[in-house]
């Protein structure tokens, strides 16, 4: 069953983080792309709710998707605004190639332009003067997010909207008492990951409201959607059953989590995690019928007023 609880308000108290993978090229770009695609499939309902909520003054005709990855936000925005043209910006050539292939498969190649760029660079490429800029799970990776926010402000057309989207934390997948031989394992992994990211991704968990205001925006609203999707939901989507997608999403996500926590986990916890990640073993995640995706996604909607 899927539960979506949302609220809209004008105060800016939420933390934000992401599971949508930061999109630099790496030795594991294919694995990143698979997780990004699963993220799009599993969380599609919630993403549709967010794009539908955006307080646009008129349907935007020119949109920029900053840190587009393989196109999760790009295609949600194309669905929401069928007359729009979108420029997808990312550092990863592989992800942009995958995005272009998806656009062609949808017959939307004429509405999508891709730009490979490092947004930490001093000078950004020419991205036009968009009516809407969308940044999902990308802003907290910026070396200087305040400078990036100011660049977006100057980029937007007057009256244009900037949507900053983050997940509140790395999703949880297991029950609190799992696995049976090491209860609470996932929470201990998250604690180790939080320590890692506090050092390496210092802007993770930022409150973007004050930052947006300081950059010259008027923050009009903020919304959080609570995600709780069980793998017992039998509904089918374009990529197959929900159960299969949740299992694959959990497997790929926890594999990536392992990279940041392996050096600090207790040996018994690391061994238990590896048993979950062993797809051929009896303790495999893919054999469990109690998985879920639990997280919270927050969006800040900010206007360029002048």
Protein backbone atom coordinates (compact mmCIF):
# COMPACT_ATOMS: atom_id res chain seq x y z
CA UNK A 1 0.00 0.00 0.00
CA UNK A 2 1.16 3.51 -0.77
CA UNK A 3 0.59 6.37 1.66
CA UNK A 4 1.20 10.00 0.75
CA UNK A 5 0.83 12.61 3.47
CA UNK A 6 1.57 16.16 2.49
CA UNK A 7 1.46 19.62 3.92
CA UNK A 8 2.11 23.05 2.52
CA UNK A 9 3.29 26.00 4.57
CA UNK A 10 5.37 29.13 4.44
CA UNK A 11 7.90 28.31 7.14
CA UNK A 12 11.10 26.60 6.19
CA UNK A 13 12.03 24.12 8.85
CA UNK A 14 12.60 20.88 6.98
CA UNK A 15 15.91 19.21 6.47
CA UNK A 16 16.61 17.68 3.11
CA UNK A 17 18.76 14.96 1.71
CA UNK A 18 18.63 12.63 -1.22
CA UNK A 19 18.78 9.16 -2.41
CA UNK A 20 18.64 10.18 -6.03
CA UNK A 21 22.29 9.62 -6.81
CA UNK A 22 24.63 12.54 -7.47
CA UNK A 23 25.43 12.43 -11.12
CA UNK A 24 29.16 12.61 -11.58
CA UNK A 25 30.72 10.05 -13.92
CA UNK A 26 32.23 7.14 -12.05
CA UNK A 27 33.33 3.56 -12.48
CA UNK A 28 29.77 2.61 -11.49
CA UNK A 29 27.80 4.89 -13.79
CA UNK A 30 25.71 1.97 -15.05
CA UNK A 31 24.78 1.01 -11.50
CA UNK A 32 23.93 4.63 -10.73
CA UNK A 33 21.72 4.80 -13.79
CA UNK A 34 19.85 1.65 -12.79
CA UNK A 35 19.10 3.08 -9.33
CA UNK A 36 18.01 6.40 -10.81
CA UNK A 37 15.62 4.59 -13.13
CA UNK A 38 14.25 2.49 -10.25
CA UNK A 39 13.84 5.64 -8.19
CA UNK A 40 11.75 7.09 -11.01
CA UNK A 41 9.61 3.95 -11.18
CA UNK A 42 9.07 3.39 -7.46
CA UNK A 43 8.48 7.03 -6.52
CA UNK A 44 6.60 8.05 -9.67
CA UNK A 45 3.31 8.69 -7.86
CA UNK A 46 4.95 11.04 -5.39
CA UNK A 47 6.92 12.87 -8.06
CA UNK A 48 3.71 13.42 -10.01
CA UNK A 49 2.16 14.91 -6.88
CA UNK A 50 5.07 17.33 -6.52
CA UNK A 51 5.10 18.49 -10.14
CA UNK A 52 1.33 18.92 -9.99
CA UNK A 53 1.65 21.07 -6.87
CA UNK A 54 4.22 23.54 -8.25
CA UNK A 55 2.77 27.07 -7.91
CA UNK A 56 3.47 28.17 -11.48
CA UNK A 57 1.77 31.38 -12.59
CA UNK A 58 1.38 30.05 -16.13
CA UNK A 59 2.48 26.79 -17.76
CA UNK A 60 6.23 27.17 -18.28
CA UNK A 61 7.48 26.93 -21.84
CA UNK A 62 11.22 26.76 -21.04
CA UNK A 63 12.46 24.52 -18.21
CA UNK A 64 15.96 23.69 -16.99
CA UNK A 65 16.56 20.48 -15.02
CA UNK A 66 19.80 20.90 -13.04
CA UNK A 67 21.46 17.59 -12.19
CA UNK A 68 19.02 15.69 -14.36
CA UNK A 69 20.58 12.25 -14.04
CA UNK A 70 18.79 9.83 -16.36
CA UNK A 71 15.72 12.04 -16.61
CA UNK A 72 13.47 11.31 -13.62
CA UNK A 73 12.47 14.96 -13.23
CA UNK A 74 12.79 15.78 -16.91
CA UNK A 75 10.08 13.36 -17.96
CA UNK A 76 7.82 14.08 -15.00
CA UNK A 77 7.95 17.74 -16.00
CA UNK A 78 7.31 16.90 -19.65
CA UNK A 79 4.22 14.98 -18.57
CA UNK A 80 3.06 17.87 -16.38
CA UNK A 81 3.78 20.60 -18.96
CA UNK A 82 3.20 19.10 -22.42
CA UNK A 83 4.01 22.33 -24.28
CA UNK A 84 7.36 22.84 -22.56
CA UNK A 85 10.89 22.36 -23.85
CA UNK A 86 13.43 21.15 -21.30
CA UNK A 87 17.20 21.55 -21.06
CA UNK A 88 18.65 18.70 -18.99
CA UNK A 89 22.01 19.52 -17.40
CA UNK A 90 24.31 16.92 -15.86
CA UNK A 91 28.00 16.12 -15.47
CA UNK A 92 27.57 12.54 -16.67
CA UNK A 93 27.73 11.89 -20.41
CA UNK A 94 26.44 8.36 -19.81
CA UNK A 95 23.37 9.55 -17.94
CA UNK A 96 22.60 12.17 -20.58
CA UNK A 97 22.91 9.55 -23.31
CA UNK A 98 20.40 7.38 -21.45
CA UNK A 99 18.12 10.39 -21.09
CA UNK A 100 18.28 11.08 -24.82
CA UNK A 101 17.43 7.45 -25.58
CA UNK A 102 14.39 7.70 -23.33
CA UNK A 103 13.32 10.93 -25.03
CA UNK A 104 13.54 9.23 -28.42
CA UNK A 105 11.57 6.23 -27.19
CA UNK A 106 8.83 8.62 -26.02
CA UNK A 107 8.88 10.61 -29.23
CA UNK A 108 9.96 13.65 -27.24
CA UNK A 109 13.44 14.20 -28.65
CA UNK A 110 12.35 17.52 -30.14
CA UNK A 111 11.44 18.83 -26.70
CA UNK A 112 14.60 17.82 -24.83
CA UNK A 113 18.08 19.30 -25.07
CA UNK A 114 20.97 17.89 -23.05
CA UNK A 115 23.95 19.88 -21.79
CA UNK A 116 26.95 18.25 -20.14
CA UNK A 117 28.36 20.67 -17.58
CA UNK A 118 29.97 20.88 -14.17
CA UNK A 119 27.83 23.28 -12.15
CA UNK A 120 30.70 23.83 -9.72
CA UNK A 121 32.60 25.55 -12.54
CA UNK A 122 32.94 29.33 -12.40
CA UNK A 123 31.02 29.85 -15.63
CA UNK A 124 27.84 28.01 -16.51
CA UNK A 125 26.88 27.23 -20.10
CA UNK A 126 24.18 29.25 -21.82
CA UNK A 127 20.92 27.78 -20.52
CA UNK A 128 18.65 30.48 -21.90
CA UNK A 129 16.14 32.30 -19.73
CA UNK A 130 13.86 29.56 -18.35
CA UNK A 131 10.48 30.03 -16.70
CA UNK A 132 11.13 27.11 -14.34
CA UNK A 133 14.32 25.61 -12.94
CA UNK A 134 14.08 22.21 -11.26
CA UNK A 135 16.89 20.88 -9.05
CA UNK A 136 16.21 17.48 -7.51
CA UNK A 137 18.87 15.98 -5.27
CA UNK A 138 21.56 18.16 -6.78
CA UNK A 139 21.91 21.36 -4.78
CA UNK A 140 23.42 19.78 -1.66
CA UNK A 141 26.26 18.38 -3.77
CA UNK A 142 27.38 21.83 -4.90
CA UNK A 143 30.77 22.94 -3.61
CA UNK A 144 29.34 26.43 -3.09
CA UNK A 145 25.54 26.15 -3.04
CA UNK A 146 25.04 29.83 -2.22
CA UNK A 147 26.84 30.80 -5.42
CA UNK A 148 24.81 28.22 -7.36
CA UNK A 149 21.54 29.59 -5.97
CA UNK A 150 22.53 33.09 -7.05
CA UNK A 151 23.39 31.77 -10.52
CA UNK A 152 19.93 30.20 -10.79
CA UNK A 153 18.34 33.46 -9.66
CA UNK A 154 20.14 35.38 -12.40
CA UNK A 155 19.30 32.67 -14.94
CA UNK A 156 15.55 32.65 -14.38
CA UNK A 157 13.20 34.90 -16.28
CA UNK A 158 11.59 37.55 -14.04
CA UNK A 159 8.70 35.91 -12.22
CA UNK A 160 10.16 32.48 -12.90
CA UNK A 161 10.04 29.65 -10.38
CA UNK A 162 12.86 27.62 -8.84
CA UNK A 163 11.96 24.24 -7.33
CA UNK A 164 14.52 22.66 -5.00
CA UNK A 165 13.68 19.03 -4.21
CA UNK A 166 15.45 16.84 -1.68
CA UNK A 167 14.81 13.60 0.15
CA UNK A 168 15.02 13.91 3.91
CA UNK A 169 17.38 10.96 4.18
CA UNK A 170 18.54 7.75 2.64
CA UNK A 171 15.41 5.57 2.36
CA UNK A 172 14.74 2.80 4.84
CA UNK A 173 13.78 -0.58 3.44
CA UNK A 174 13.81 -3.14 6.28
CA UNK A 175 11.67 -3.55 9.40
CA UNK A 176 13.35 -2.31 12.58
CA UNK A 177 13.79 -5.87 13.90
CA UNK A 178 15.47 -7.14 10.72
CA UNK A 179 17.48 -9.08 9.87
CA UNK A 180 16.75 -11.74 12.41
CA UNK A 181 20.41 -12.37 13.25
CA UNK A 182 21.32 -8.64 13.57
CA UNK A 183 18.18 -6.62 14.45
CA UNK A 184 18.51 -2.89 13.84
CA UNK A 185 21.24 -3.37 11.23
CA UNK A 186 19.84 -0.83 8.79
CA UNK A 187 19.64 1.92 11.42
CA UNK A 188 23.27 1.33 12.39
CA UNK A 189 24.22 1.56 8.72
CA UNK A 190 22.42 4.88 8.50
CA UNK A 191 24.20 6.20 11.57
CA UNK A 192 27.55 5.28 10.01
CA UNK A 193 26.49 6.83 6.69
CA UNK A 194 25.42 10.04 8.42
CA UNK A 195 28.88 10.38 9.96
CA UNK A 196 30.49 9.80 6.56
CA UNK A 197 28.30 12.35 4.80
CA UNK A 198 28.71 14.96 7.54
CA UNK A 199 32.36 15.08 6.53
CA UNK A 200 32.11 14.58 2.77
CA UNK A 201 28.75 16.22 1.89
CA UNK A 202 28.48 19.10 4.38
CA UNK A 203 25.38 20.66 2.76
CA UNK A 204 23.35 17.49 3.14
CA UNK A 205 20.37 18.24 5.37
CA UNK A 206 20.42 21.98 4.71
CA UNK A 207 17.32 24.10 5.21
CA UNK A 208 17.06 25.66 1.77
CA UNK A 209 14.49 28.30 2.69
CA UNK A 210 16.90 30.83 4.23
CA UNK A 211 19.49 30.08 1.57
CA UNK A 212 16.97 30.82 -1.18
CA UNK A 213 15.91 34.05 0.51
CA UNK A 214 19.54 35.15 0.86
CA UNK A 215 20.01 34.55 -2.87
CA UNK A 216 17.21 36.99 -3.68
CA UNK A 217 14.27 34.62 -4.06
CA UNK A 218 10.85 34.90 -2.47
CA UNK A 219 10.08 31.47 -1.02
CA UNK A 220 6.39 31.02 -1.70
CA UNK A 221 5.76 27.58 -0.25
CA UNK A 222 7.25 24.35 0.96
CA UNK A 223 5.77 20.88 0.78
CA UNK A 224 6.76 17.53 2.19
CA UNK A 225 5.44 14.18 1.03
CA UNK A 226 5.91 11.12 3.21
CA UNK A 227 6.71 8.02 1.17
CA UNK A 228 5.78 4.58 2.51
CA UNK A 229 5.60 2.00 -0.27
CA UNK A 230 5.43 -1.70 0.54
CA UNK A 231 6.69 -4.46 -1.74
CA UNK A 232 3.43 -6.31 -1.05
CA UNK A 233 1.67 -3.77 -3.25
CA UNK A 234 0.89 -5.84 -6.35
CA UNK A 235 0.23 -2.93 -8.68
CA UNK A 236 2.12 -3.10 -11.94
CA UNK A 237 3.92 -0.26 -13.59
CA UNK A 238 5.73 0.20 -16.90
CA UNK A 239 8.83 -1.49 -15.49
CA UNK A 240 7.10 -4.55 -13.99
CA UNK A 241 5.56 -5.30 -10.63
CA UNK A 242 5.92 -2.97 -7.67
CA UNK A 243 7.31 -5.84 -5.59
CA UNK A 244 10.13 -6.51 -8.05
CA UNK A 245 10.95 -2.81 -8.35
CA UNK A 246 11.07 -2.27 -4.57
CA UNK A 247 13.34 -5.30 -4.16
CA UNK A 248 15.70 -4.16 -6.90
CA UNK A 249 15.68 -0.61 -5.54
CA UNK A 250 16.52 -1.82 -2.03
CA UNK A 251 19.30 -4.07 -3.33
CA UNK A 252 20.97 -1.39 -5.44
CA UNK A 253 20.59 1.25 -2.77
CA UNK A 254 22.02 -0.83 0.06
CA UNK A 255 24.90 -1.93 -2.17
CA UNK A 256 25.81 1.74 -2.60
CA UNK A 257 25.30 2.43 1.09
CA UNK A 258 27.77 -0.36 1.87
CA UNK A 259 30.54 1.58 0.10
CA UNK A 260 30.32 4.45 2.59
CA UNK A 261 29.93 2.35 5.76
CA UNK A 262 32.09 -0.72 5.20
CA UNK A 263 35.08 0.78 6.99
CA UNK A 264 33.18 1.70 10.15
CA UNK A 265 30.60 -1.05 10.65
CA UNK A 266 31.20 -3.78 13.21
CA UNK A 267 32.39 -6.98 11.47
CA UNK A 268 29.20 -8.78 12.49
CA UNK A 269 27.07 -6.04 10.95
CA UNK A 270 29.08 -6.00 7.73
CA UNK A 271 28.73 -9.77 7.44
CA UNK A 272 24.96 -9.51 8.01
CA UNK A 273 24.71 -6.76 5.38
CA UNK A 274 26.61 -8.90 2.90
CA UNK A 275 24.19 -11.77 3.51
CA UNK A 276 21.32 -9.44 2.61
CA UNK A 277 23.14 -8.34 -0.55
CA UNK A 278 23.97 -11.91 -1.67
CA UNK A 279 21.28 -12.48 -4.27
CA UNK A 280 22.01 -16.22 -4.36
CA UNK A 281 21.95 -16.74 -0.60
CA UNK A 282 19.04 -17.71 1.63
CA UNK A 283 19.15 -14.34 3.41
CA UNK A 284 18.91 -12.27 0.23
CA UNK A 285 16.87 -9.08 0.28
CA UNK A 286 15.13 -10.34 -2.82
CA UNK A 287 13.65 -13.24 -0.84
CA UNK A 288 11.97 -10.95 1.69
CA UNK A 289 8.29 -10.05 1.55
CA UNK A 290 8.51 -7.30 4.18
CA UNK A 291 10.46 -4.63 2.30
CA UNK A 292 9.21 -1.07 1.97
CA UNK A 293 10.50 2.30 0.77
CA UNK A 294 10.18 4.83 3.58
CA UNK A 295 11.43 8.38 3.24
CA UNK A 296 10.25 11.96 2.93
CA UNK A 297 10.62 14.22 -0.06
CA UNK A 298 10.50 17.99 0.36
CA UNK A 299 10.25 20.76 -2.24
CA UNK A 300 10.85 24.46 -1.81
CA UNK A 301 9.17 26.71 -4.41
CA UNK A 302 10.92 30.06 -4.80
CA UNK A 303 10.11 32.96 -7.11
CA UNK A 304 12.40 35.44 -8.83
CA UNK A 305 10.51 38.63 -8.19
CA UNK A 306 12.62 41.04 -10.20
